[in-house]
Amino acid sequence: MENEQLIQLQVIEQETQQLEQQLQLIEQSLIEMQNLSSSLDELEKTDKKDIFANIGRGIYIPAEIKDKTLSVEVGNKVFVKKSIPETKEIIEDQVQRLGSVREQISNRIEDLRVEVNQLMKSDKSEEKKKGN
């Protein structure tokens, strides 16, 4: 295999690894979104006034629900009041966008695999030509 082909393979391998890492982050985000949506479903259904609110990293604090209006960050530390159904719509929109990005990344990874296969085939045909 020529140096040029080896370099191409290394570049493809690096890009594939980066894309696979991005894919893992997207999968984690999708799981978090699904968990959040389930939590909102439960919050919407419950009549309880006292809950344990997660403040991060498995740490909870007892909290009292005064109303079910949520403060949702819309970017740059700006918050707006949203109902549970409105918040779920935002989550569903984010899930759809993440799904679209996941599909694009998966397609790119597949394209890179095809490119690797083509490089390997061309290398084998070059070796056969040299052998004759």
C-alpha atoms as a PDB file:
ATOM      1  CA  MET A   1       0.000   0.000   0.000  1.00  0.00           C
ATOM      2  CA  GLU A   2       1.375   3.388  -0.976  1.00  0.00           C
ATOM      3  CA  ASN A   3       2.002   6.192   1.509  1.00  0.00           C
ATOM      4  CA  GLU A   4      -0.764   8.286  -0.031  1.00  0.00           C
ATOM      5  CA  GLN A   5      -3.312   5.527   0.521  1.00  0.00           C
ATOM      6  CA  LEU A   6      -2.083   4.963   4.090  1.00  0.00           C
ATOM      7  CA  ILE A   7      -2.515   8.658   4.834  1.00  0.00           C
ATOM      8  CA  GLN A   8      -6.016   8.587   3.322  1.00  0.00           C
ATOM      9  CA  LEU A   9      -6.905   5.590   5.503  1.00  0.00           C
ATOM     10  CA  GLN A  10      -5.598   7.331   8.626  1.00  0.00           C
ATOM     11  CA  VAL A  11      -7.604  10.479   7.857  1.00  0.00           C
ATOM     12  CA  ILE A  12     -10.726   8.397   7.268  1.00  0.00           C
ATOM     13  CA  GLU A  13     -10.141   6.483  10.505  1.00  0.00           C
ATOM     14  CA  GLN A  14      -9.792   9.729  12.482  1.00  0.00           C
ATOM     15  CA  GLU A  15     -12.941  11.194  10.978  1.00  0.00           C
ATOM     16  CA  THR A  16     -14.825   7.961  11.662  1.00  0.00           C
ATOM     17  CA  GLN A  17     -13.735   7.975  15.301  1.00  0.00           C
ATOM     18  CA  GLN A  18     -14.821  11.600  15.728  1.00  0.00           C
ATOM     19  CA  LEU A  19     -18.180  10.886  14.132  1.00  0.00           C
ATOM     20  CA  GLU A  20     -18.698   7.826  16.339  1.00  0.00           C
ATOM     21  CA  GLN A  21     -17.986   9.968  19.425  1.00  0.00           C
ATOM     22  CA  GLN A  22     -20.540  12.522  18.231  1.00  0.00           C
ATOM     23  CA  LEU A  23     -22.994   9.698  17.658  1.00  0.00           C
ATOM     24  CA  GLN A  24     -22.525   8.508  21.246  1.00  0.00           C
ATOM     25  CA  LEU A  25     -23.163  12.023  22.581  1.00  0.00           C
ATOM     26  CA  ILE A  26     -26.328  12.269  20.500  1.00  0.00           C
ATOM     27  CA  GLU A  27     -27.519   8.885  21.787  1.00  0.00           C
ATOM     28  CA  GLN A  28     -26.921  10.038  25.369  1.00  0.00           C
ATOM     29  CA  SER A  29     -28.825  13.262  24.705  1.00  0.00           C
ATOM     30  CA  LEU A  30     -31.722  11.318  23.200  1.00  0.00           C
ATOM     31  CA  ILE A  31     -31.905   9.086  26.286  1.00  0.00           C
ATOM     32  CA  GLU A  32     -31.868  12.176  28.530  1.00  0.00           C
ATOM     33  CA  MET A  33     -34.661  13.749  26.471  1.00  0.00           C
ATOM     34  CA  GLN A  34     -36.762  10.585  26.694  1.00  0.00           C
ATOM     35  CA  ASN A  35     -36.233  10.455  30.471  1.00  0.00           C
ATOM     36  CA  LEU A  36     -37.163  14.122  30.767  1.00  0.00           C
ATOM     37  CA  SER A  37     -40.312  13.577  28.732  1.00  0.00           C
ATOM     38  CA  SER A  38     -41.289  10.635  30.963  1.00  0.00           C
ATOM     39  CA  SER A  39     -40.689  12.750  34.075  1.00  0.00           C
ATOM     40  CA  LEU A  40     -42.916  15.482  32.656  1.00  0.00           C
ATOM     41  CA  ASP A  41     -45.635  12.897  31.959  1.00  0.00           C
ATOM     42  CA  GLU A  42     -45.503  11.792  35.575  1.00  0.00           C
ATOM     43  CA  LEU A  43     -45.462  15.365  36.862  1.00  0.00           C
ATOM     44  CA  GLU A  44     -48.499  16.162  34.718  1.00  0.00           C
ATOM     45  CA  LYS A  45     -50.452  13.174  36.071  1.00  0.00           C
ATOM     46  CA  THR A  46     -49.605  13.482  39.757  1.00  0.00           C
ATOM     47  CA  ASP A  47     -51.606  15.365  42.336  1.00  0.00           C
ATOM     48  CA  LYS A  48     -48.767  15.276  44.867  1.00  0.00           C
ATOM     49  CA  LYS A  49     -47.503  18.604  46.079  1.00  0.00           C
ATOM     50  CA  ASP A  50     -44.199  17.351  47.494  1.00  0.00           C
ATOM     51  CA  ILE A  51     -41.469  15.907  45.295  1.00  0.00           C
ATOM     52  CA  PHE A  52     -37.743  15.333  45.319  1.00  0.00           C
ATOM     53  CA  ALA A  53     -36.137  17.634  42.753  1.00  0.00           C
ATOM     54  CA  ASN A  54     -32.851  16.557  41.184  1.00  0.00           C
ATOM     55  CA  ILE A  55     -30.289  19.318  41.503  1.00  0.00           C
ATOM     56  CA  GLY A  56     -27.599  17.330  39.704  1.00  0.00           C
ATOM     57  CA  ARG A  57     -25.348  14.299  39.945  1.00  0.00           C
ATOM     58  CA  GLY A  58     -27.866  12.184  41.842  1.00  0.00           C
ATOM     59  CA  ILE A  59     -28.489  14.823  44.520  1.00  0.00           C
ATOM     60  CA  TYR A  60     -32.122  15.565  45.367  1.00  0.00           C
ATOM     61  CA  ILE A  61     -33.853  18.144  47.493  1.00  0.00           C
ATOM     62  CA  PRO A  62     -37.415  18.039  48.807  1.00  0.00           C
ATOM     63  CA  ALA A  63     -39.538  20.604  46.967  1.00  0.00           C
ATOM     64  CA  GLU A  64     -43.138  21.735  47.021  1.00  0.00           C
ATOM     65  CA  ILE A  65     -45.048  22.154  43.753  1.00  0.00           C
ATOM     66  CA  LYS A  66     -46.992  25.397  43.870  1.00  0.00           C
ATOM     67  CA  ASP A  67     -48.115  25.184  40.247  1.00  0.00           C
ATOM     68  CA  LYS A  68     -47.125  23.176  37.206  1.00  0.00           C
ATOM     69  CA  THR A  69     -45.876  26.076  35.113  1.00  0.00           C
ATOM     70  CA  LEU A  70     -42.276  25.458  34.115  1.00  0.00           C
ATOM     71  CA  SER A  71     -39.442  27.918  33.543  1.00  0.00           C
ATOM     72  CA  VAL A  72     -37.656  26.797  30.387  1.00  0.00           C
ATOM     73  CA  GLU A  73     -34.293  28.172  29.308  1.00  0.00           C
ATOM     74  CA  VAL A  74     -34.466  29.268  25.683  1.00  0.00           C
ATOM     75  CA  GLY A  75     -30.809  30.239  25.423  1.00  0.00           C
ATOM     76  CA  ASN A  76     -28.354  32.714  26.857  1.00  0.00           C
ATOM     77  CA  LYS A  77     -29.815  32.190  30.363  1.00  0.00           C
ATOM     78  CA  VAL A  78     -33.189  33.561  29.232  1.00  0.00           C
ATOM     79  CA  PHE A  79     -36.170  31.735  30.750  1.00  0.00           C
ATOM     80  CA  VAL A  80     -39.784  31.682  29.644  1.00  0.00           C
ATOM     81  CA  LYS A  81     -42.854  30.219  31.335  1.00  0.00           C
ATOM     82  CA  LYS A  82     -44.212  27.110  29.616  1.00  0.00           C
ATOM     83  CA  SER A  83     -46.881  24.553  30.381  1.00  0.00           C
ATOM     84  CA  ILE A  84     -45.940  20.875  30.521  1.00  0.00           C
ATOM     85  CA  PRO A  85     -47.448  20.163  27.052  1.00  0.00           C
ATOM     86  CA  GLU A  86     -45.600  23.172  25.572  1.00  0.00           C
ATOM     87  CA  THR A  87     -42.359  21.955  27.120  1.00  0.00           C
ATOM     88  CA  LYS A  88     -42.929  18.462  25.760  1.00  0.00           C
ATOM     89  CA  GLU A  89     -43.346  19.976  22.272  1.00  0.00           C
ATOM     90  CA  ILE A  90     -39.945  21.650  22.641  1.00  0.00           C
ATOM     91  CA  ILE A  91     -38.430  18.339  23.708  1.00  0.00           C
ATOM     92  CA  GLU A  92     -40.034  16.498  20.781  1.00  0.00           C
ATOM     93  CA  ASP A  93     -38.635  19.117  18.388  1.00  0.00           C
ATOM     94  CA  GLN A  94     -35.159  18.659  19.875  1.00  0.00           C
ATOM     95  CA  VAL A  95     -35.487  14.868  19.636  1.00  0.00           C
ATOM     96  CA  GLN A  96     -36.418  15.170  15.945  1.00  0.00           C
ATOM     97  CA  ARG A  97     -33.445  17.436  15.250  1.00  0.00           C
ATOM     98  CA  LEU A  98     -31.082  15.105  17.102  1.00  0.00           C
ATOM     99  CA  GLY A  99     -32.508  12.168  15.168  1.00  0.00           C
ATOM    100  CA  SER A 100     -31.857  13.993  11.904  1.00  0.00           C
ATOM    101  CA  VAL A 101     -28.261  14.748  12.893  1.00  0.00           C
ATOM    102  CA  ARG A 102     -27.805  11.143  14.029  1.00  0.00           C
ATOM    103  CA  GLU A 103     -28.969   9.971  10.593  1.00  0.00           C
ATOM    104  CA  GLN A 104     -26.594  12.354   8.812  1.00  0.00           C
ATOM    105  CA  ILE A 105     -23.662  11.163  10.911  1.00  0.00           C
ATOM    106  CA  SER A 106     -24.572   7.509  10.372  1.00  0.00           C
ATOM    107  CA  ASN A 107     -24.740   8.119   6.616  1.00  0.00           C
ATOM    108  CA  ARG A 108     -21.333   9.810   6.666  1.00  0.00           C
ATOM    109  CA  ILE A 109     -19.829   6.885   8.600  1.00  0.00           C
ATOM    110  CA  GLU A 110     -21.254   4.499   6.022  1.00  0.00           C
ATOM    111  CA  ASP A 111     -19.798   6.636   3.203  1.00  0.00           C
ATOM    112  CA  LEU A 112     -16.397   6.474   4.892  1.00  0.00           C
ATOM    113  CA  ARG A 113     -16.632   2.685   5.170  1.00  0.00           C
ATOM    114  CA  VAL A 114     -17.394   2.462   1.452  1.00  0.00           C
ATOM    115  CA  GLU A 115     -14.402   4.701   0.758  1.00  0.00           C
ATOM    116  CA  VAL A 116     -12.148   2.424   2.840  1.00  0.00           C
ATOM    117  CA  ASN A 117     -13.405  -0.622   0.945  1.00  0.00           C
ATOM    118  CA  GLN A 118     -12.693   1.093  -2.371  1.00  0.00           C
ATOM    119  CA  LEU A 119      -9.167   1.994  -1.258  1.00  0.00           C
ATOM    120  CA  MET A 120      -8.549  -1.585  -0.175  1.00  0.00           C
ATOM    121  CA  LYS A 121      -9.872  -2.968  -3.482  1.00  0.00           C
ATOM    122  CA  SER A 122      -7.760  -0.566  -5.519  1.00  0.00           C
ATOM    123  CA  ASP A 123      -4.710  -1.569  -3.489  1.00  0.00           C
ATOM    124  CA  LYS A 124      -5.358  -5.263  -4.147  1.00  0.00           C
ATOM    125  CA  SER A 125      -5.780  -4.650  -7.875  1.00  0.00           C
ATOM    126  CA  GLU A 126      -2.508  -2.653  -7.901  1.00  0.00           C
ATOM    127  CA  GLU A 127      -0.740  -5.552  -6.154  1.00  0.00           C
ATOM    128  CA  LYS A 128      -2.072  -7.989  -8.755  1.00  0.00           C
ATOM    129  CA  LYS A 129      -0.793  -5.775 -11.584  1.00  0.00           C
ATOM    130  CA  LYS A 130       2.654  -5.610 -10.003  1.00  0.00           C
ATOM    131  CA  GLY A 131       2.669  -9.374  -9.469  1.00  0.00           C
ATOM    132  CA  ASN A 132       2.143 -10.107 -13.178  1.00  0.00           C
END
